Amino acid sequence: MSLLLRQIARYVAQKAASDPEAREKALKVAQGVVEEAKQITKEDDWAYAAGKAFRRAMKK
């Protein structure tokens, strides 16, 4: 499983490095992930907060 995730991450990084539009999208996604992580760490129950963040992401 981790090998597949590593390959996906490598592919995304290569695409972002070669395409300015993809780089901009990757930056926006990364900023969104950071904001969600900050929000999760502020909560007392991290598992519940992570579940809420996952549900929000799946609705988009």
C-alpha atoms as a PDB file:
ATOM      1  CA  MET A   1       0.000   0.000   0.000  1.00  0.00           C
ATOM      2  CA  SER A   2       2.736   2.453   0.933  1.00  0.00           C
ATOM      3  CA  LEU A   3       4.550   1.733  -2.342  1.00  0.00           C
ATOM      4  CA  LEU A   4       1.438   2.744  -4.272  1.00  0.00           C
ATOM      5  CA  LEU A   5       1.053   5.934  -2.239  1.00  0.00           C
ATOM      6  CA  ARG A   6       4.724   6.742  -2.798  1.00  0.00           C
ATOM      7  CA  GLN A   7       4.326   6.291  -6.545  1.00  0.00           C
ATOM      8  CA  ILE A   8       1.236   8.508  -6.573  1.00  0.00           C
ATOM      9  CA  ALA A   9       3.051  11.185  -4.562  1.00  0.00           C
ATOM     10  CA  ARG A  10       6.026  11.035  -6.940  1.00  0.00           C
ATOM     11  CA  TYR A  11       3.734  11.372  -9.966  1.00  0.00           C
ATOM     12  CA  VAL A  12       1.933  14.360  -8.451  1.00  0.00           C
ATOM     13  CA  ALA A  13       5.242  16.033  -7.576  1.00  0.00           C
ATOM     14  CA  GLN A  14       6.563  15.525 -11.111  1.00  0.00           C
ATOM     15  CA  LYS A  15       3.378  16.933 -12.651  1.00  0.00           C
ATOM     16  CA  ALA A  16       3.415  19.925 -10.321  1.00  0.00           C
ATOM     17  CA  ALA A  17       7.060  20.617 -11.105  1.00  0.00           C
ATOM     18  CA  SER A  18       6.548  20.550 -14.861  1.00  0.00           C
ATOM     19  CA  ASP A  19       3.201  22.323 -15.221  1.00  0.00           C
ATOM     20  CA  PRO A  20       2.558  25.796 -13.761  1.00  0.00           C
ATOM     21  CA  GLU A  21      -1.209  25.221 -13.610  1.00  0.00           C
ATOM     22  CA  ALA A  22      -0.770  21.909 -11.792  1.00  0.00           C
ATOM     23  CA  ARG A  23       1.735  23.570  -9.448  1.00  0.00           C
ATOM     24  CA  GLU A  24      -0.852  26.204  -8.523  1.00  0.00           C
ATOM     25  CA  LYS A  25      -3.525  23.564  -7.879  1.00  0.00           C
ATOM     26  CA  ALA A  26      -1.108  21.501  -5.771  1.00  0.00           C
ATOM     27  CA  LEU A  27      -0.280  24.583  -3.709  1.00  0.00           C
ATOM     28  CA  LYS A  28      -3.969  25.276  -3.036  1.00  0.00           C
ATOM     29  CA  VAL A  29      -4.571  21.659  -2.031  1.00  0.00           C
ATOM     30  CA  ALA A  30      -1.548  21.691   0.287  1.00  0.00           C
ATOM     31  CA  GLN A  31      -2.743  24.908   1.923  1.00  0.00           C
ATOM     32  CA  GLY A  32      -6.168  23.346   2.463  1.00  0.00           C
ATOM     33  CA  VAL A  33      -4.597  20.278   4.043  1.00  0.00           C
ATOM     34  CA  VAL A  34      -2.565  22.456   6.399  1.00  0.00           C
ATOM     35  CA  GLU A  35      -5.681  24.384   7.450  1.00  0.00           C
ATOM     36  CA  GLU A  36      -7.570  21.142   8.131  1.00  0.00           C
ATOM     37  CA  ALA A  37      -4.624  19.784  10.134  1.00  0.00           C
ATOM     38  CA  LYS A  38      -4.531  22.939  12.249  1.00  0.00           C
ATOM     39  CA  GLN A  39      -8.254  22.660  12.888  1.00  0.00           C
ATOM     40  CA  ILE A  40      -7.965  18.981  13.841  1.00  0.00           C
ATOM     41  CA  THR A  41      -5.158  19.603  16.329  1.00  0.00           C
ATOM     42  CA  LYS A  42      -7.199  22.308  18.091  1.00  0.00           C
ATOM     43  CA  GLU A  43      -9.953  19.812  18.945  1.00  0.00           C
ATOM     44  CA  ASP A  44      -9.914  17.648  22.078  1.00  0.00           C
ATOM     45  CA  ASP A  45     -11.018  14.512  20.223  1.00  0.00           C
ATOM     46  CA  TRP A  46      -8.664  14.232  17.241  1.00  0.00           C
ATOM     47  CA  ALA A  47     -10.350  11.149  15.802  1.00  0.00           C
ATOM     48  CA  TYR A  48     -13.744  12.854  15.712  1.00  0.00           C
ATOM     49  CA  ALA A  49     -12.250  16.021  14.196  1.00  0.00           C
ATOM     50  CA  ALA A  50     -10.398  13.978  11.565  1.00  0.00           C
ATOM     51  CA  GLY A  51     -13.638  12.192  10.686  1.00  0.00           C
ATOM     52  CA  LYS A  52     -15.436  15.499  10.282  1.00  0.00           C
ATOM     53  CA  ALA A  53     -12.638  16.812   8.049  1.00  0.00           C
ATOM     54  CA  PHE A  54     -12.791  13.640   5.953  1.00  0.00           C
ATOM     55  CA  ARG A  55     -16.559  13.955   5.536  1.00  0.00           C
ATOM     56  CA  ARG A  56     -16.182  17.599   4.498  1.00  0.00           C
ATOM     57  CA  ALA A  57     -13.563  16.621   1.926  1.00  0.00           C
ATOM     58  CA  MET A  58     -15.737  13.830   0.530  1.00  0.00           C
ATOM     59  CA  LYS A  59     -18.713  16.184   0.101  1.00  0.00           C
ATOM     60  CA  LYS A  60     -16.636  18.491  -2.122  1.00  0.00           C
END
